């Protein structure tokens, strides 16, 4: 392959990756609206849903840890943890590793709430899987993960 052909291929690849970015924004916003509609039935906001999901997946976490994982400010995460606590979905426990930053964990009510939300989301997502292969989903995950890594871990605080 000549250098010109490589340059053209590289430009085409960049154009295709730009298409991915162009799809991710609307996908995120539409998904957020859909989640807001679905979780509002249980009195959850998208932010509280994110906190519950993180705690379900990772176990007890501090607010700064949650902020880093989600690339959100600690202040926003703290507000969402406060909301989740007020709803009885999250409780704070002492953190043996840090005196001032408590660990937050799901209550049984919180675990039930996020499980119900995720079950509804999975039912919706099952409709998309009928015409996608495992290899296509794997490729999508690989591309999105690579782009996320490329964007770095900028501190949002």
Protein backbone atom coordinates (compact mmCIF):
# COMPACT_ATOMS: atom_id res chain seq x y z
CA UNK A 1 0.00 0.00 0.00
CA UNK A 2 1.43 3.36 -0.99
CA UNK A 3 1.76 6.24 1.45
CA UNK A 4 -1.08 8.07 -0.34
CA UNK A 5 -3.33 5.02 0.04
CA UNK A 6 -2.41 4.79 3.75
CA UNK A 7 -3.18 8.49 4.23
CA UNK A 8 -6.54 8.06 2.47
CA UNK A 9 -7.32 4.98 4.59
CA UNK A 10 -6.35 6.88 7.72
CA UNK A 11 -8.60 9.81 6.75
CA UNK A 12 -11.48 7.41 6.08
CA UNK A 13 -10.92 5.81 9.51
CA UNK A 14 -10.96 9.23 11.17
CA UNK A 15 -14.18 10.07 9.31
CA UNK A 16 -15.75 6.82 10.55
CA UNK A 17 -14.69 7.53 14.13
CA UNK A 18 -16.22 11.00 13.80
CA UNK A 19 -19.47 9.25 12.86
CA UNK A 20 -19.23 7.29 16.11
CA UNK A 21 -18.91 10.53 18.09
CA UNK A 22 -21.83 11.99 16.14
CA UNK A 23 -24.00 9.03 17.20
CA UNK A 24 -22.89 8.83 20.83
CA UNK A 25 -24.26 12.26 21.80
CA UNK A 26 -27.83 11.71 20.56
CA UNK A 27 -27.78 8.12 21.86
CA UNK A 28 -26.76 9.35 25.30
CA UNK A 29 -29.43 12.10 25.36
CA UNK A 30 -32.21 9.80 24.12
CA UNK A 31 -31.19 7.12 26.60
CA UNK A 32 -31.14 9.66 29.40
CA UNK A 33 -34.68 10.81 28.53
CA UNK A 34 -35.88 7.19 28.36
CA UNK A 35 -34.27 6.35 31.69
CA UNK A 36 -35.78 9.50 33.23
CA UNK A 37 -39.23 8.42 32.05
CA UNK A 38 -38.80 4.89 33.36
CA UNK A 39 -37.14 5.63 36.69
CA UNK A 40 -39.42 8.55 37.55
CA UNK A 41 -42.11 5.93 38.16
CA UNK A 42 -40.03 4.83 41.18
CA UNK A 43 -39.09 8.39 42.14
CA UNK A 44 -35.52 8.06 40.90
CA UNK A 45 -33.56 10.60 38.91
CA UNK A 46 -30.96 9.58 36.34
CA UNK A 47 -28.26 10.65 38.81
CA UNK A 48 -29.65 8.51 41.63
CA UNK A 49 -29.99 5.62 39.20
CA UNK A 50 -26.28 6.02 38.33
CA UNK A 51 -25.30 5.96 42.01
CA UNK A 52 -27.38 2.86 42.68
CA UNK A 53 -25.97 1.12 39.62
CA UNK A 54 -22.38 1.90 40.65
CA UNK A 55 -22.93 0.57 44.15
CA UNK A 56 -24.63 -2.53 42.77
CA UNK A 57 -21.71 -3.20 40.44
CA UNK A 58 -18.75 -2.21 42.65
CA UNK A 59 -20.01 -2.53 46.21
CA UNK A 60 -19.47 0.20 48.83
CA UNK A 61 -17.74 3.29 47.46
CA UNK A 62 -16.85 6.80 48.56
CA UNK A 63 -18.28 9.83 46.80
CA UNK A 64 -14.87 10.72 45.27
CA UNK A 65 -14.52 7.16 43.92
CA UNK A 66 -17.96 7.35 42.31
CA UNK A 67 -17.13 10.73 40.81
CA UNK A 68 -13.94 9.39 39.25
CA UNK A 69 -15.61 6.30 37.79
CA UNK A 70 -18.42 8.34 36.22
CA UNK A 71 -16.35 11.45 35.35
CA UNK A 72 -18.72 13.57 37.44
CA UNK A 73 -17.98 16.22 40.05
CA UNK A 74 -17.89 15.14 43.67
CA UNK A 75 -20.49 17.80 44.45
CA UNK A 76 -22.97 16.34 41.94
CA UNK A 77 -22.35 12.79 43.17
CA UNK A 78 -22.79 13.94 46.78
CA UNK A 79 -26.18 15.47 45.92
CA UNK A 80 -27.24 12.21 44.24
CA UNK A 81 -26.04 10.16 47.23
CA UNK A 82 -27.98 12.51 49.53
CA UNK A 83 -31.11 12.03 47.39
CA UNK A 84 -30.64 8.24 47.36
CA UNK A 85 -30.14 8.27 51.14
CA UNK A 86 -33.32 10.32 51.64
CA UNK A 87 -35.21 7.71 49.60
CA UNK A 88 -33.81 4.95 51.80
CA UNK A 89 -31.77 3.40 48.96
CA UNK A 90 -28.25 4.17 50.26
CA UNK A 91 -26.64 4.29 53.68
CA UNK A 92 -23.27 5.65 54.78
CA UNK A 93 -20.87 3.58 56.84
CA UNK A 94 -17.51 4.41 58.39
CA UNK A 95 -14.55 4.01 56.06
CA UNK A 96 -11.60 2.37 57.80
CA UNK A 97 -9.28 3.72 55.08
CA UNK A 98 -10.36 7.35 55.41
CA UNK A 99 -11.87 9.19 58.39
CA UNK A 100 -13.67 11.93 56.46
CA UNK A 101 -14.87 10.06 53.37
CA UNK A 102 -17.49 7.52 54.39
CA UNK A 103 -18.41 4.47 52.36
CA UNK A 104 -21.82 4.42 50.76
CA UNK A 105 -23.64 1.16 50.22
CA UNK A 106 -26.98 -0.03 48.96
CA UNK A 107 -29.75 -0.84 51.37
CA UNK A 108 -32.00 -3.80 50.58
CA UNK A 109 -34.59 -1.31 49.33
CA UNK A 110 -31.95 0.28 47.09
CA UNK A 111 -30.87 -3.10 45.73
CA UNK A 112 -34.50 -3.97 44.93
CA UNK A 113 -35.06 -0.59 43.24
CA UNK A 114 -31.98 -0.75 40.99
CA UNK A 115 -32.63 -4.40 40.15
CA UNK A 116 -36.15 -3.51 38.99
CA UNK A 117 -34.83 -0.61 36.88
CA UNK A 118 -32.09 -2.72 35.30
CA UNK A 119 -34.54 -5.54 34.57
CA UNK A 120 -36.77 -3.07 32.68
CA UNK A 121 -33.77 -1.67 30.78
CA UNK A 122 -32.61 -5.17 29.86
CA UNK A 123 -36.06 -5.97 28.49
CA UNK A 124 -35.78 -2.93 26.20
CA UNK A 125 -32.20 -3.78 25.20
CA UNK A 126 -33.19 -7.34 24.35
CA UNK A 127 -35.10 -5.91 21.38
CA UNK A 128 -31.85 -4.54 19.91
CA UNK A 129 -30.00 -7.83 20.20
CA UNK A 130 -32.03 -9.80 17.69
CA UNK A 131 -30.14 -8.58 14.64
CA UNK A 132 -26.70 -7.98 16.16
CA UNK A 133 -24.02 -10.60 16.46
CA UNK A 134 -21.79 -11.06 19.48
CA UNK A 135 -18.83 -10.02 17.33
CA UNK A 136 -20.57 -6.77 16.39
CA UNK A 137 -21.29 -5.95 20.03
CA UNK A 138 -17.70 -6.85 20.98
CA UNK A 139 -16.37 -4.57 18.22
CA UNK A 140 -18.62 -1.74 19.41
CA UNK A 141 -17.40 -2.14 22.98
CA UNK A 142 -13.80 -2.19 21.80
CA UNK A 143 -14.19 1.01 19.77
CA UNK A 144 -16.07 2.89 22.49
CA UNK A 145 -13.61 1.75 25.17
CA UNK A 146 -10.68 2.89 23.04
CA UNK A 147 -12.28 6.29 22.44
CA UNK A 148 -13.02 6.66 26.16
CA UNK A 149 -9.38 5.86 26.96
CA UNK A 150 -8.25 8.36 24.35
CA UNK A 151 -10.25 11.14 26.00
CA UNK A 152 -8.32 10.63 29.24
CA UNK A 153 -9.21 10.91 32.90
CA UNK A 154 -9.59 14.65 33.32
CA UNK A 155 -10.52 15.62 36.85
CA UNK A 156 -14.01 17.14 36.73
CA UNK A 157 -13.75 18.94 40.08
